[in-house]
Amino acid sequence: MNNDEEMKEILLNTKTIASVGLSGNEEKVSHWVGVYLQGEGYRVIPVNPTAEKILGEKSYPDLESVPEKIDVVQVFRRPEDVPPVVDEAIKVGAKVVWMQEGIVNEEAAQKAREAGLQVVMDACMRATHQRLIGPQ
């Protein structure tokens, strides 16, 4: 179960979010979540092998290609696609795996926790930020 205090702490201490499955399509939820998070001062790095640039940022094919330190790996993928994302998150030394609303994978979450990562599941990062911190 997600804990408001933990989620607020994550949001306050995060600078860089690698967003796996971020879409360049303005009609997709992931796109406007990314726009909101950028507007709140987060560095949002798109991880999408089908795009060159999203939200004005270079897009990377996978987490291992991202050349900077990642605080949070935000996941916009189907639940069954989460385990390899968690494996990469562990490999690159991310602190948190945040699965967006509707995304739950207990096995992947357990693996992430065992590797020392914090896990949030089934929670929209934008809505959570608005609720716990509010737009700045």
C-alpha atoms as a PDB file:
ATOM      1  CA  MET A   1       0.000   0.000   0.000  1.00  0.00           C
ATOM      2  CA  ASN A   2       1.258   3.467  -0.873  1.00  0.00           C
ATOM      3  CA  ASN A   3       2.086   5.741   2.041  1.00  0.00           C
ATOM      4  CA  ASP A   4       1.408   9.496   1.686  1.00  0.00           C
ATOM      5  CA  GLU A   5       4.391  10.457   3.834  1.00  0.00           C
ATOM      6  CA  GLU A   6       6.762   8.299   1.775  1.00  0.00           C
ATOM      7  CA  MET A   7       5.340   9.571  -1.517  1.00  0.00           C
ATOM      8  CA  LYS A   8       5.648  13.196  -0.386  1.00  0.00           C
ATOM      9  CA  GLU A   9       9.241  12.564   0.706  1.00  0.00           C
ATOM     10  CA  ILE A  10      10.011  11.024  -2.704  1.00  0.00           C
ATOM     11  CA  LEU A  11       8.459  13.990  -4.534  1.00  0.00           C
ATOM     12  CA  LEU A  12      10.342  16.530  -2.398  1.00  0.00           C
ATOM     13  CA  ASN A  13      13.710  14.792  -2.815  1.00  0.00           C
ATOM     14  CA  THR A  14      13.480  13.933  -6.508  1.00  0.00           C
ATOM     15  CA  LYS A  15      15.220  15.949  -9.177  1.00  0.00           C
ATOM     16  CA  THR A  16      15.467  13.562 -12.126  1.00  0.00           C
ATOM     17  CA  ILE A  17      12.671  11.330 -13.399  1.00  0.00           C
ATOM     18  CA  ALA A  18      13.288   8.814 -16.185  1.00  0.00           C
ATOM     19  CA  SER A  19       9.866   8.261 -17.681  1.00  0.00           C
ATOM     20  CA  VAL A  20       9.609   4.831 -19.335  1.00  0.00           C
ATOM     21  CA  GLY A  21       6.881   4.818 -21.965  1.00  0.00           C
ATOM     22  CA  LEU A  22       6.524   8.603 -22.091  1.00  0.00           C
ATOM     23  CA  SER A  23       4.614   9.518 -25.240  1.00  0.00           C
ATOM     24  CA  GLY A  24       5.106  12.418 -27.605  1.00  0.00           C
ATOM     25  CA  ASN A  25       1.379  12.227 -28.372  1.00  0.00           C
ATOM     26  CA  GLU A  26      -0.275  15.167 -26.586  1.00  0.00           C
ATOM     27  CA  GLU A  27      -3.477  13.161 -26.162  1.00  0.00           C
ATOM     28  CA  LYS A  28      -1.796  10.479 -24.037  1.00  0.00           C
ATOM     29  CA  VAL A  29      -1.882  10.643 -20.240  1.00  0.00           C
ATOM     30  CA  SER A  30       1.888  10.125 -19.993  1.00  0.00           C
ATOM     31  CA  HIS A  31       2.469  13.259 -22.075  1.00  0.00           C
ATOM     32  CA  TRP A  32       0.503  15.620 -19.865  1.00  0.00           C
ATOM     33  CA  VAL A  33       1.892  14.053 -16.701  1.00  0.00           C
ATOM     34  CA  GLY A  34       5.361  14.807 -18.102  1.00  0.00           C
ATOM     35  CA  VAL A  35       4.382  18.379 -18.988  1.00  0.00           C
ATOM     36  CA  TYR A  36       3.073  18.943 -15.445  1.00  0.00           C
ATOM     37  CA  LEU A  37       6.195  17.482 -13.796  1.00  0.00           C
ATOM     38  CA  GLN A  38       8.475  19.600 -16.010  1.00  0.00           C
ATOM     39  CA  GLY A  39       6.440  22.639 -15.004  1.00  0.00           C
ATOM     40  CA  GLU A  40       7.040  21.787 -11.356  1.00  0.00           C
ATOM     41  CA  GLY A  41      10.797  21.864 -11.916  1.00  0.00           C
ATOM     42  CA  TYR A  42      11.605  18.175 -12.333  1.00  0.00           C
ATOM     43  CA  ARG A  43      14.007  17.008 -15.023  1.00  0.00           C
ATOM     44  CA  VAL A  44      11.925  14.536 -17.053  1.00  0.00           C
ATOM     45  CA  ILE A  45      13.971  12.217 -19.268  1.00  0.00           C
ATOM     46  CA  PRO A  46      11.932  10.335 -21.877  1.00  0.00           C
ATOM     47  CA  VAL A  47      12.681   6.619 -22.265  1.00  0.00           C
ATOM     48  CA  ASN A  48      10.987   5.603 -25.491  1.00  0.00           C
ATOM     49  CA  PRO A  49      12.824   3.765 -28.292  1.00  0.00           C
ATOM     50  CA  THR A  50      10.354   5.021 -30.916  1.00  0.00           C
ATOM     51  CA  ALA A  51      11.012   8.749 -30.387  1.00  0.00           C
ATOM     52  CA  GLU A  52      14.005  11.044 -30.831  1.00  0.00           C
ATOM     53  CA  LYS A  53      12.697  13.883 -28.670  1.00  0.00           C
ATOM     54  CA  ILE A  54       9.739  14.298 -26.323  1.00  0.00           C
ATOM     55  CA  LEU A  55       8.910  17.449 -24.342  1.00  0.00           C
ATOM     56  CA  GLY A  56      12.045  19.067 -25.778  1.00  0.00           C
ATOM     57  CA  GLU A  57      14.299  16.383 -24.262  1.00  0.00           C
ATOM     58  CA  LYS A  58      16.364  13.728 -26.016  1.00  0.00           C
ATOM     59  CA  SER A  59      14.623  10.374 -25.753  1.00  0.00           C
ATOM     60  CA  TYR A  60      16.612   7.250 -24.866  1.00  0.00           C
ATOM     61  CA  PRO A  61      15.864   3.664 -25.947  1.00  0.00           C
ATOM     62  CA  ASP A  62      16.333   2.262 -22.409  1.00  0.00           C
ATOM     63  CA  LEU A  63      17.390   3.275 -18.893  1.00  0.00           C
ATOM     64  CA  GLU A  64      20.954   2.081 -19.370  1.00  0.00           C
ATOM     65  CA  SER A  65      21.403   4.629 -22.193  1.00  0.00           C
ATOM     66  CA  VAL A  66      20.510   7.594 -19.951  1.00  0.00           C
ATOM     67  CA  PRO A  67      23.821   9.356 -19.224  1.00  0.00           C
ATOM     68  CA  GLU A  68      22.847  10.894 -15.897  1.00  0.00           C
ATOM     69  CA  LYS A  69      21.830   9.837 -12.396  1.00  0.00           C
ATOM     70  CA  ILE A  70      18.178   8.828 -12.125  1.00  0.00           C
ATOM     71  CA  ASP A  71      16.222   9.390  -8.916  1.00  0.00           C
ATOM     72  CA  VAL A  72      12.847   7.971  -9.987  1.00  0.00           C
ATOM     73  CA  VAL A  73      11.941   5.549 -12.752  1.00  0.00           C
ATOM     74  CA  GLN A  74       8.365   6.391 -13.665  1.00  0.00           C
ATOM     75  CA  VAL A  75       6.622   3.535 -15.480  1.00  0.00           C
ATOM     76  CA  PHE A  76       3.943   3.984 -18.157  1.00  0.00           C
ATOM     77  CA  ARG A  77       3.917   0.366 -19.338  1.00  0.00           C
ATOM     78  CA  ARG A  78       1.542  -2.570 -18.985  1.00  0.00           C
ATOM     79  CA  PRO A  79       1.987  -4.498 -15.710  1.00  0.00           C
ATOM     80  CA  GLU A  80       3.480  -7.495 -17.542  1.00  0.00           C
ATOM     81  CA  ASP A  81       6.162  -5.198 -19.050  1.00  0.00           C
ATOM     82  CA  VAL A  82       7.349  -3.918 -15.660  1.00  0.00           C
ATOM     83  CA  PRO A  83       9.889  -6.649 -14.627  1.00  0.00           C
ATOM     84  CA  PRO A  84      12.575  -5.754 -17.207  1.00  0.00           C
ATOM     85  CA  VAL A  85      12.127  -2.061 -16.330  1.00  0.00           C
ATOM     86  CA  VAL A  86      12.731  -2.897 -12.656  1.00  0.00           C
ATOM     87  CA  ASP A  87      15.834  -4.905 -13.611  1.00  0.00           C
ATOM     88  CA  GLU A  88      17.194  -1.870 -15.471  1.00  0.00           C
ATOM     89  CA  ALA A  89      16.238   0.491 -12.630  1.00  0.00           C
ATOM     90  CA  ILE A  90      18.243  -1.665 -10.225  1.00  0.00           C
ATOM     91  CA  LYS A  91      21.177  -1.819 -12.651  1.00  0.00           C
ATOM     92  CA  VAL A  92      21.360   1.978 -13.103  1.00  0.00           C
ATOM     93  CA  GLY A  93      21.063   2.685  -9.371  1.00  0.00           C
ATOM     94  CA  ALA A  94      17.689   4.444  -9.309  1.00  0.00           C
ATOM     95  CA  LYS A  95      16.209   5.122  -5.871  1.00  0.00           C
ATOM     96  CA  VAL A  96      12.523   4.670  -6.696  1.00  0.00           C
ATOM     97  CA  VAL A  97      10.265   2.786  -9.117  1.00  0.00           C
ATOM     98  CA  TRP A  98       6.959   4.614  -9.516  1.00  0.00           C
ATOM     99  CA  MET A  99       4.274   2.681 -11.410  1.00  0.00           C
ATOM    100  CA  GLN A 100       1.542   4.955 -12.703  1.00  0.00           C
ATOM    101  CA  GLU A 101      -2.160   4.595 -11.982  1.00  0.00           C
ATOM    102  CA  GLY A 102      -3.507   1.205 -13.038  1.00  0.00           C
ATOM    103  CA  ILE A 103      -0.072  -0.436 -13.012  1.00  0.00           C
ATOM    104  CA  VAL A 104       0.567  -3.109 -10.388  1.00  0.00           C
ATOM    105  CA  ASN A 105       3.171  -5.862 -10.496  1.00  0.00           C
ATOM    106  CA  GLU A 106       3.817  -7.336  -7.046  1.00  0.00           C
ATOM    107  CA  GLU A 107       6.697  -9.583  -8.156  1.00  0.00           C
ATOM    108  CA  ALA A 108       8.572  -6.700  -9.786  1.00  0.00           C
ATOM    109  CA  ALA A 109       7.858  -4.489  -6.758  1.00  0.00           C
ATOM    110  CA  GLN A 110       9.231  -7.129  -4.388  1.00  0.00           C
ATOM    111  CA  LYS A 111      12.390  -7.483  -6.472  1.00  0.00           C
ATOM    112  CA  ALA A 112      12.884  -3.706  -6.442  1.00  0.00           C
ATOM    113  CA  ARG A 113      12.379  -3.527  -2.662  1.00  0.00           C
ATOM    114  CA  GLU A 114      14.834  -6.382  -2.101  1.00  0.00           C
ATOM    115  CA  ALA A 115      17.398  -4.380  -4.100  1.00  0.00           C
ATOM    116  CA  GLY A 116      16.816  -1.363  -1.829  1.00  0.00           C
ATOM    117  CA  LEU A 117      14.519   0.710  -4.032  1.00  0.00           C
ATOM    118  CA  GLN A 118      11.341   2.380  -2.848  1.00  0.00           C
ATOM    119  CA  VAL A 119       8.233   1.363  -4.774  1.00  0.00           C
ATOM    120  CA  VAL A 120       5.003   3.192  -5.526  1.00  0.00           C
ATOM    121  CA  MET A 121       2.300   1.326  -7.466  1.00  0.00           C
ATOM    122  CA  ASP A 122      -1.012   2.321  -8.998  1.00  0.00           C
ATOM    123  CA  ALA A 123      -0.581   6.061  -8.342  1.00  0.00           C
ATOM    124  CA  CYS A 124      -0.436   8.970 -10.763  1.00  0.00           C
ATOM    125  CA  MET A 125       2.643  11.060 -10.012  1.00  0.00           C
ATOM    126  CA  ARG A 126       0.886  14.247 -11.177  1.00  0.00           C
ATOM    127  CA  ALA A 127      -2.248  13.684  -9.070  1.00  0.00           C
ATOM    128  CA  THR A 128      -0.140  12.662  -6.075  1.00  0.00           C
ATOM    129  CA  HIS A 129       2.011  15.794  -6.406  1.00  0.00           C
ATOM    130  CA  GLN A 130      -1.075  17.996  -6.700  1.00  0.00           C
ATOM    131  CA  ARG A 131      -2.650  16.359  -3.658  1.00  0.00           C
ATOM    132  CA  LEU A 132       0.394  16.277  -1.354  1.00  0.00           C
ATOM    133  CA  ILE A 133       2.379  19.352  -2.450  1.00  0.00           C
ATOM    134  CA  GLY A 134       0.263  21.378  -4.842  1.00  0.00           C
ATOM    135  CA  PRO A 135       1.294  23.205  -8.009  1.00  0.00           C
ATOM    136  CA  GLN A 136       4.080  25.716  -7.401  1.00  0.00           C
END
